[in-house]
Amino acid sequence: MVDFGKLRGRMRRFSQNQSISEESNLSGVRRKKIAELVEERGSVAVRDLCEQFGKSEATIRRDLKKLGEQGVVARTHGGVMTNSNVIADLPNEERRLVRSEEKRRIGRAAIDMLAGDEVVFLDAGTTALSVADDAYLRPGCRYITTCLGVARRLRSHEISNFIMIGGSYRSVNDSFAGTLAISALRSLTFDIAFLCCAAVDTNRGTIALRDEAYGQVQMQAIDSSRRNFVIADHEKFEATAFMRTASFDDLSGIITNREVDRDSLARLKNTKLEIVLA
């Protein structure tokens, strides 16, 4: 004779275990995506991760704690950054963004290059966000971007003369890629493009990204622009990435911060690139 009470109890336990297993799998996928996002951007605030994944702060903090225990990321006050970018002695707990001051200077130097009437492509990346923050200084320019975060920054600074290019959303750098984005870029022409990258290799004379899909977008943007300037902080000269998107021959110049190491700077000065130190 079947004991339906026991059977229902077993079924409830099975359902609970299955739900726990599914949640565990989803958490693993989410943590992997968080790690990829942090690796691409260098650092991310907790509130941005909550918005990105539609999860509570408590859930995201548990994810970051787990990733921190695994040595994947380093937690900071209000955010997280790549473990490889950990600075031994942070000035204070309020420094949430890695190299934010350097990126701010690079962003201002990029805006200062503009006459004020150009068509400007802003790439996807944290340094491009710094350029967008100062875009109000050149309101006569027309800005084009594939990055949702850049578009939001432009809108927050009351810049209305910009175009947001869509496509397949890439959470790794909060941007759009794929055939739709590439097709749109192919139909446009830019006076200047400010390009982000994961690595600058001064020995090989190349720049590279870690995301293959967005790499295709960046290559099309380079082809569509009359002048191409890389915006990269000094740490990018020590990093590596597998997706080469351009050689120095494809570029007009590089805007970096004055803390770039002497060897890299010496190799840059031996090229035909215009070098801007912020």
Protein backbone atom coordinates (compact mmCIF):
# COMPACT_ATOMS: atom_id res chain seq x y z
CA MET A 1 0.00 0.00 0.00
CA VAL A 2 1.37 3.40 -1.05
CA ASP A 3 1.95 5.91 1.75
CA PHE A 4 0.88 9.08 -0.06
CA GLY A 5 2.03 11.27 2.83
CA LYS A 6 5.59 10.00 2.54
CA LEU A 7 5.43 10.19 -1.25
CA ARG A 8 4.36 13.84 -1.14
CA GLY A 9 7.17 14.55 1.32
CA ARG A 10 9.74 12.94 -1.00
CA MET A 11 8.37 14.91 -3.96
CA ARG A 12 8.61 18.19 -2.01
CA ARG A 13 12.20 17.42 -1.02
CA PHE A 14 13.04 16.50 -4.60
CA SER A 15 11.49 19.73 -5.86
CA GLN A 16 13.39 21.75 -3.24
CA ASN A 17 16.68 20.04 -4.09
CA GLN A 18 16.04 20.62 -7.80
CA SER A 19 15.31 24.32 -7.16
CA ILE A 20 18.50 24.63 -5.08
CA SER A 21 20.47 22.93 -7.85
CA GLU A 22 18.98 25.22 -10.50
CA GLU A 23 19.67 28.31 -8.38
CA SER A 24 23.24 27.11 -7.82
CA ASN A 25 23.72 26.71 -11.58
CA LEU A 26 22.27 30.16 -12.25
CA SER A 27 24.51 31.65 -9.57
CA GLY A 28 27.53 30.03 -11.21
CA VAL A 29 26.60 31.47 -14.61
CA ARG A 30 26.01 34.90 -13.08
CA ARG A 31 29.35 34.86 -11.25
CA LYS A 32 31.13 33.90 -14.44
CA LYS A 33 29.52 36.87 -16.20
CA ILE A 34 30.42 39.17 -13.30
CA ALA A 35 34.05 38.03 -13.50
CA GLU A 36 34.11 38.67 -17.26
CA LEU A 37 32.55 42.11 -16.78
CA VAL A 38 35.06 43.08 -14.09
CA GLU A 39 37.96 41.81 -16.19
CA GLU A 40 36.83 43.90 -19.16
CA ARG A 41 36.12 47.11 -17.24
CA GLY A 42 38.78 46.86 -14.54
CA SER A 43 36.28 47.72 -11.82
CA VAL A 44 32.51 47.79 -11.31
CA ALA A 45 30.30 49.29 -8.60
CA VAL A 46 27.88 47.03 -6.71
CA ARG A 47 24.89 49.15 -7.72
CA ASP A 48 25.83 48.76 -11.39
CA LEU A 49 25.99 44.98 -10.99
CA CYS A 50 22.57 45.00 -9.30
CA GLU A 51 21.12 46.89 -12.25
CA GLN A 52 22.96 44.76 -14.78
CA PHE A 53 21.70 41.42 -13.43
CA GLY A 54 18.43 42.51 -11.82
CA LYS A 55 19.47 41.17 -8.42
CA SER A 56 19.42 42.57 -4.91
CA GLU A 57 22.51 44.08 -3.31
CA ALA A 58 22.64 41.17 -0.85
CA THR A 59 22.72 38.62 -3.70
CA ILE A 60 25.43 40.50 -5.60
CA ARG A 61 27.53 40.87 -2.46
CA ARG A 62 27.31 37.10 -1.90
CA ASP A 63 28.49 36.57 -5.47
CA LEU A 64 31.40 38.97 -4.95
CA LYS A 65 32.32 37.31 -1.67
CA LYS A 66 32.47 33.94 -3.44
CA LEU A 67 34.55 35.35 -6.31
CA GLY A 68 36.82 37.04 -3.79
CA GLU A 69 37.35 33.77 -1.92
CA GLN A 70 38.28 32.16 -5.23
CA GLY A 71 40.81 34.92 -5.88
CA VAL A 72 39.06 36.00 -9.08
CA VAL A 73 38.34 39.58 -8.00
CA ALA A 74 39.29 41.95 -5.22
CA ARG A 75 36.50 43.65 -3.31
CA THR A 76 36.61 47.37 -2.60
CA HIS A 77 34.33 49.77 -0.78
CA GLY A 78 31.17 49.88 -2.89
CA GLY A 79 32.50 47.74 -5.71
CA VAL A 80 34.94 45.20 -7.03
CA MET A 81 38.00 45.20 -9.28
CA THR A 82 40.16 42.65 -11.07
CA ASN A 83 42.57 40.88 -8.80
CA SER A 84 45.44 41.66 -11.17
CA ASN A 85 44.72 45.35 -10.74
CA VAL A 86 44.82 45.37 -6.95
CA ILE A 87 46.90 48.26 -5.67
CA ALA A 88 48.70 47.40 -2.45
CA ASP A 89 47.81 50.61 -0.63
CA LEU A 90 44.63 52.27 -1.83
CA PRO A 91 44.55 55.96 -0.82
CA ASN A 92 41.17 55.50 0.92
CA GLU A 93 38.06 53.33 0.92
CA GLU A 94 36.20 55.80 -1.23
CA ARG A 95 38.27 55.03 -4.30
CA ARG A 96 35.78 52.75 -5.99
CA LEU A 97 37.04 52.91 -9.55
CA VAL A 98 40.48 51.72 -10.54
CA ARG A 99 42.61 54.52 -12.03
CA SER A 100 39.61 56.84 -12.13
CA GLU A 101 41.77 59.97 -11.91
CA GLU A 102 43.96 58.82 -14.81
CA LYS A 103 40.90 58.05 -16.91
CA ARG A 104 39.40 61.43 -16.08
CA ARG A 105 42.53 63.16 -17.38
CA ILE A 106 42.55 61.02 -20.52
CA GLY A 107 38.89 61.82 -21.15
CA ARG A 108 39.51 65.55 -20.84
CA ALA A 109 42.54 65.35 -23.15
CA ALA A 110 40.41 63.58 -25.76
CA ILE A 111 37.70 66.26 -25.62
CA ASP A 112 40.33 69.01 -25.79
CA MET A 113 41.46 67.61 -29.16
CA LEU A 114 38.10 68.41 -30.73
CA ALA A 115 37.38 71.66 -32.55
CA GLY A 116 33.70 71.37 -31.71
CA ASP A 117 31.97 70.36 -34.94
CA GLU A 118 33.24 66.81 -35.57
CA VAL A 119 31.39 63.54 -35.86
CA VAL A 120 32.88 61.53 -32.99
CA PHE A 121 32.72 57.78 -32.34
CA LEU A 122 32.94 56.85 -28.65
CA ASP A 123 33.88 53.23 -28.04
CA ALA A 124 32.68 50.92 -25.26
CA GLY A 125 34.74 51.04 -22.07
CA THR A 126 35.31 52.91 -18.83
CA THR A 127 37.71 55.41 -20.42
CA ALA A 128 35.08 56.26 -23.04
CA LEU A 129 32.73 57.02 -20.14
CA SER A 130 35.23 59.66 -19.01
CA VAL A 131 35.20 61.19 -22.49
CA ALA A 132 31.39 61.25 -22.37
CA ASP A 133 31.50 63.02 -19.01
CA ASP A 134 33.25 65.98 -20.65
CA ALA A 135 31.29 65.94 -23.92
CA TYR A 136 29.30 68.95 -22.71
CA LEU A 137 32.44 71.00 -23.42
CA ARG A 138 31.95 70.28 -27.14
CA PRO A 139 28.16 70.32 -27.53
CA GLY A 140 28.42 71.07 -31.25
CA CYS A 141 29.92 67.66 -32.00
CA ARG A 142 27.76 64.72 -33.03
CA TYR A 143 28.53 61.65 -30.95
CA ILE A 144 27.99 58.04 -32.03
CA THR A 145 28.38 55.08 -29.70
CA THR A 146 27.59 51.39 -29.38
CA CYS A 147 27.84 51.58 -25.57
CA LEU A 148 24.70 51.92 -23.48
CA GLY A 149 26.64 53.39 -20.57
CA VAL A 150 28.19 56.06 -22.80
CA ALA A 151 24.76 56.96 -24.19
CA ARG A 152 23.42 57.34 -20.66
CA ARG A 153 26.32 59.59 -19.70
CA LEU A 154 25.73 61.77 -22.75
CA ARG A 155 22.04 62.03 -21.92
CA SER A 156 22.75 62.82 -18.25
CA HIS A 157 24.92 65.75 -19.38
CA GLU A 158 22.07 66.96 -21.62
CA ILE A 159 23.88 66.10 -24.84
CA SER A 160 21.09 65.52 -27.35
CA ASN A 161 23.15 65.34 -30.53
CA PHE A 162 24.14 61.69 -30.37
CA ILE A 163 23.30 58.39 -32.05
CA MET A 164 23.00 55.08 -30.21
CA ILE A 165 23.83 52.09 -32.41
CA GLY A 166 22.04 48.89 -31.46
CA GLY A 167 22.50 45.21 -32.14
CA SER A 168 23.11 42.16 -29.98
CA TYR A 169 23.68 43.26 -26.40
CA ARG A 170 27.05 42.36 -24.85
CA SER A 171 26.96 42.58 -21.07
CA VAL A 172 30.74 42.18 -20.90
CA ASN A 173 31.19 45.84 -21.86
CA ASP A 174 27.61 47.12 -21.80
CA SER A 175 27.56 47.50 -25.56
CA PHE A 176 25.97 46.27 -28.77
CA ALA A 177 27.65 44.06 -31.36
CA GLY A 178 26.74 41.69 -34.16
CA THR A 179 25.76 42.17 -37.79
CA LEU A 180 23.26 44.96 -37.11
CA ALA A 181 25.86 47.08 -35.30
CA ILE A 182 28.52 46.40 -37.92
CA SER A 183 26.12 47.23 -40.77
CA ALA A 184 25.17 50.52 -39.13
CA LEU A 185 28.82 51.48 -38.61
CA ARG A 186 29.62 50.60 -42.21
CA SER A 187 27.07 53.18 -43.40
CA LEU A 188 28.61 56.00 -41.35
CA THR A 189 31.76 58.11 -41.51
CA PHE A 190 33.46 59.61 -38.46
CA ASP A 191 35.93 62.46 -38.24
CA ILE A 192 37.54 60.83 -35.21
CA ALA A 193 37.11 57.68 -33.15
CA PHE A 194 38.17 57.29 -29.55
CA LEU A 195 38.93 53.60 -29.07
CA CYS A 196 39.14 51.59 -25.87
CA CYS A 197 41.19 48.42 -25.62
CA ALA A 198 42.24 45.71 -23.19
CA ALA A 199 45.91 45.81 -24.14
CA VAL A 200 48.46 47.91 -26.01
CA ASP A 201 51.44 45.90 -27.28
CA THR A 202 54.23 48.35 -28.09
CA ASN A 203 56.56 45.53 -29.16
CA ARG A 204 54.22 44.24 -31.87
CA GLY A 205 52.61 47.60 -32.51
CA THR A 206 49.03 46.44 -31.94
CA ILE A 207 45.98 46.96 -29.75
CA ALA A 208 43.70 44.13 -28.66
CA LEU A 209 40.43 43.28 -26.93
CA ARG A 210 39.30 40.23 -24.98
CA ASP A 211 35.87 39.99 -26.58
CA GLU A 212 35.83 38.64 -30.13
CA ALA A 213 32.30 39.81 -30.98
CA TYR A 214 32.97 43.39 -29.98
CA GLY A 215 36.36 43.21 -31.67
CA GLN A 216 34.56 42.95 -35.01
CA VAL A 217 32.60 46.10 -34.15
CA GLN A 218 35.74 48.02 -33.26
CA MET A 219 37.47 47.03 -36.48
CA GLN A 220 34.53 48.38 -38.48
CA ALA A 221 34.56 51.60 -36.48
CA ILE A 222 38.25 52.01 -37.31
CA ASP A 223 37.51 51.51 -41.01
CA SER A 224 34.74 54.12 -40.84
CA SER A 225 36.83 56.82 -39.18
CA ARG A 226 39.24 59.32 -40.70
CA ARG A 227 41.31 59.47 -37.52
CA ASN A 228 41.60 56.86 -34.78
CA PHE A 229 42.91 57.56 -31.29
CA VAL A 230 43.34 54.89 -28.63
CA ILE A 231 42.38 56.03 -25.13
CA ALA A 232 44.19 53.76 -22.67
CA ASP A 233 45.62 54.16 -19.19
CA HIS A 234 49.16 53.02 -18.43
CA GLU A 235 48.11 49.61 -17.08
CA LYS A 236 46.94 48.60 -20.56
CA PHE A 237 50.58 48.61 -21.68
CA GLU A 238 51.26 45.75 -19.26
CA ALA A 239 48.16 43.71 -20.07
CA THR A 240 47.52 41.04 -22.71
CA ALA A 241 44.50 40.20 -24.85
CA PHE A 242 44.00 37.77 -27.72
CA MET A 243 41.75 39.66 -30.17
CA ARG A 244 43.91 42.03 -32.19
CA THR A 245 41.78 44.81 -33.66
CA ALA A 246 44.35 47.19 -35.14
CA SER A 247 48.01 47.76 -35.78
CA PHE A 248 49.67 51.08 -35.09
CA ASP A 249 49.54 51.71 -38.85
CA ASP A 250 45.74 51.86 -38.56
CA LEU A 251 45.89 54.48 -35.81
CA SER A 252 46.47 58.20 -35.67
CA GLY A 253 47.60 58.35 -32.07
CA ILE A 254 47.33 57.21 -28.47
CA ILE A 255 46.10 59.21 -25.49
CA THR A 256 47.40 57.84 -22.20
CA ASN A 257 48.31 59.15 -18.78
CA ARG A 258 51.74 60.48 -17.91
CA GLU A 259 52.41 57.54 -15.56
CA VAL A 260 53.06 55.23 -18.55
CA ASP A 261 56.37 53.40 -18.14
CA ARG A 262 59.48 54.78 -19.83
CA ASP A 263 60.12 51.76 -22.05
CA SER A 264 56.61 51.81 -23.49
CA LEU A 265 56.80 55.56 -24.01
CA ALA A 266 60.16 55.26 -25.76
CA ARG A 267 58.76 52.65 -28.15
CA LEU A 268 55.71 54.81 -28.83
CA LYS A 269 57.90 57.79 -29.68
CA ASN A 270 59.65 55.69 -32.30
CA THR A 271 56.37 55.28 -34.18
CA LYS A 272 54.48 57.74 -36.36
CA LEU A 273 51.69 57.98 -33.80
CA GLU A 274 50.68 61.22 -32.16
CA ILE A 275 51.26 60.71 -28.44
CA VAL A 276 49.20 62.67 -25.93
CA LEU A 277 50.11 62.40 -22.24
CA ALA A 278 47.36 63.45 -19.85
